[in-house]
Amino acid sequence: MRKIRNKGGFTMVELVMVIIIIAVIAGGVISANRAIENSKAVQQIQNIKILHSAAVQWYGDKMTYAGISVAALKTDGYLKNNFDSTKANQFGGDLTVNVDSSDTEKYEFSLTKVSNSTRQKLENGLLNSTDNFTYDANTQTWTATF
């Protein structure tokens, strides 16, 4: 008796192996994206701490946060002149430092293009350093008040 073999398709085992390989690759890509997001959040926390240190020195000299901005911190020598606020935002958005509109004894640090999951990482990393956090999901703007 002669066996008939279908030469035009894949066996079930071959299909299952391809699906498994695709799943493993997808899992690796997802893990890599999480690792990148985590490293950006850690670097952003370090950038915030650098800016916070400069702001504290500003306050120590001027006894107010009035007039504070990234440009003013650079001009007055609290930040290096090569400090680039665009590159300092790890997420590609804007970075601003301004006096708190309701209290000149405080300042606000804002980042744009911050995802909700990254917002949580930033807040966890700065939990004991700030007075308040706000997040606008519509504009993806995260603000910390110091």
Protein backbone atom coordinates (compact mmCIF):
# COMPACT_ATOMS: atom_id res chain seq x y z
CA MET A 1 0.00 0.00 0.00
CA ARG A 2 1.28 3.38 -0.94
CA LYS A 3 1.34 6.34 1.53
CA ILE A 4 0.07 9.67 0.32
CA ARG A 5 1.96 12.65 1.59
CA ASN A 6 0.83 16.26 1.38
CA LYS A 7 3.84 18.16 0.08
CA GLY A 8 2.14 21.55 -0.10
CA GLY A 9 1.85 22.58 3.57
CA PHE A 10 3.38 22.59 7.02
CA THR A 11 2.85 19.97 9.69
CA MET A 12 1.16 20.89 12.93
CA VAL A 13 4.47 20.49 14.80
CA GLU A 14 6.19 22.98 12.46
CA LEU A 15 3.41 25.53 12.96
CA VAL A 16 3.51 25.15 16.73
CA MET A 17 7.30 25.61 16.72
CA VAL A 18 6.99 28.82 14.69
CA ILE A 19 4.36 30.17 17.10
CA ILE A 20 6.59 29.36 20.09
CA ILE A 21 9.58 31.10 18.49
CA ILE A 22 7.49 34.21 17.74
CA ALA A 23 6.20 34.26 21.34
CA VAL A 24 9.73 34.05 22.74
CA ILE A 25 10.92 36.89 20.49
CA ALA A 26 7.90 39.04 21.42
CA GLY A 27 8.55 38.41 25.11
CA GLY A 28 12.16 39.51 24.68
CA VAL A 29 11.12 42.71 22.92
CA ILE A 30 8.61 43.54 25.68
CA SER A 31 11.26 42.91 28.36
CA ALA A 32 13.77 45.08 26.51
CA ASN A 33 11.23 47.93 26.26
CA ARG A 34 10.56 47.72 30.00
CA ALA A 35 14.29 47.78 30.73
CA ILE A 36 14.72 50.86 28.53
CA GLU A 37 11.79 52.61 30.23
CA ASN A 38 13.19 51.77 33.67
CA SER A 39 16.65 53.08 32.78
CA LYS A 40 15.15 56.31 31.40
CA ALA A 41 13.20 56.78 34.63
CA VAL A 42 16.34 56.23 36.74
CA GLN A 43 18.31 58.71 34.59
CA GLN A 44 15.44 61.21 34.81
CA ILE A 45 15.42 60.97 38.60
CA GLN A 46 19.17 61.76 38.57
CA ASN A 47 18.54 64.78 36.31
CA ILE A 48 15.82 65.99 38.66
CA LYS A 49 18.18 65.66 41.62
CA ILE A 50 20.83 67.73 39.78
CA LEU A 51 18.25 70.43 39.08
CA HIS A 52 16.94 70.25 42.64
CA SER A 53 20.46 70.74 44.01
CA ALA A 54 20.91 73.79 41.76
CA ALA A 55 17.53 75.15 42.88
CA VAL A 56 18.40 74.72 46.56
CA GLN A 57 21.65 76.65 46.00
CA TRP A 58 19.63 79.36 44.17
CA TYR A 59 17.27 79.61 47.14
CA GLY A 60 20.17 79.69 49.60
CA ASP A 61 21.64 82.70 47.82
CA LYS A 62 18.45 84.57 46.94
CA MET A 63 16.07 83.44 49.74
CA THR A 64 13.29 83.03 47.15
CA TYR A 65 12.52 80.94 44.10
CA ALA A 66 11.22 84.01 42.24
CA GLY A 67 12.85 84.22 38.81
CA ILE A 68 14.02 80.61 38.79
CA SER A 69 14.20 78.81 35.44
CA VAL A 70 16.64 76.49 33.71
CA ALA A 71 18.05 79.49 31.81
CA ALA A 72 18.45 81.52 35.03
CA LEU A 73 20.14 78.60 36.79
CA LYS A 74 22.61 78.38 33.90
CA THR A 75 23.16 82.14 33.66
CA ASP A 76 23.84 82.45 37.39
CA GLY A 77 26.23 79.49 37.39
CA TYR A 78 24.10 76.98 39.31
CA LEU A 79 24.01 74.67 36.27
CA LYS A 80 26.74 74.09 33.72
CA ASN A 81 26.29 76.12 30.54
CA ASN A 82 26.20 72.93 28.47
CA PHE A 83 23.17 71.67 30.42
CA ASP A 84 20.51 71.02 27.77
CA SER A 85 16.97 70.94 29.15
CA THR A 86 15.71 69.21 25.99
CA LYS A 87 18.16 66.33 26.42
CA ALA A 88 17.60 66.31 30.18
CA ASN A 89 14.02 65.12 29.60
CA GLN A 90 14.60 61.44 28.89
CA PHE A 91 11.17 61.13 27.30
CA GLY A 92 11.69 63.68 24.53
CA GLY A 93 9.39 66.38 25.85
CA ASP A 94 9.89 69.72 27.53
CA LEU A 95 11.50 70.26 30.93
CA THR A 96 10.76 73.40 32.91
CA VAL A 97 11.61 74.83 36.32
CA ASN A 98 9.39 77.66 37.58
CA VAL A 99 8.45 79.34 40.83
CA ASP A 100 5.27 77.90 42.35
CA SER A 101 2.50 80.33 41.40
CA SER A 102 0.94 80.13 44.87
CA ASP A 103 4.11 80.19 47.00
CA THR A 104 7.47 81.80 46.10
CA GLU A 105 9.09 79.61 48.76
CA LYS A 106 8.53 76.61 46.46
CA TYR A 107 9.29 75.75 42.86
CA GLU A 108 7.78 73.38 40.30
CA PHE A 109 9.61 70.99 38.05
CA SER A 110 7.61 69.83 34.99
CA LEU A 111 8.17 67.20 32.32
CA THR A 112 6.06 66.53 29.25
CA LYS A 113 5.62 63.26 27.30
CA VAL A 114 5.61 61.20 30.49
CA SER A 115 3.55 58.00 30.38
CA ASN A 116 1.42 57.01 33.36
CA SER A 117 3.66 54.03 34.18
CA THR A 118 6.76 56.24 34.06
CA ARG A 119 5.01 58.82 36.24
CA GLN A 120 4.64 56.19 38.93
CA LYS A 121 8.35 55.31 38.72
CA LEU A 122 9.35 58.97 39.03
CA GLU A 123 7.10 59.48 42.04
CA ASN A 124 8.40 56.36 43.75
CA GLY A 125 11.98 57.50 43.15
CA LEU A 126 11.32 61.00 44.56
CA LEU A 127 8.76 60.12 47.22
CA ASN A 128 10.60 61.68 50.18
CA SER A 129 11.99 64.66 48.27
CA THR A 130 8.92 66.58 47.13
CA ASP A 131 5.86 68.29 48.57
CA ASN A 132 3.43 67.28 45.84
CA PHE A 133 3.03 65.56 42.48
CA THR A 134 0.47 66.24 39.77
CA TYR A 135 -0.12 64.48 36.47
CA ASP A 136 -2.26 65.55 33.53
CA ALA A 137 -2.99 62.43 31.48
CA ASN A 138 -4.33 64.46 28.56
CA THR A 139 -1.08 66.38 28.02
CA GLN A 140 1.15 63.74 29.66
CA THR A 141 2.61 66.46 31.87
CA TRP A 142 4.12 65.46 35.20
CA THR A 143 4.88 68.14 37.79
CA ALA A 144 6.65 67.91 41.14
CA THR A 145 6.56 70.73 43.69
CA PHE A 146 9.62 71.15 45.90
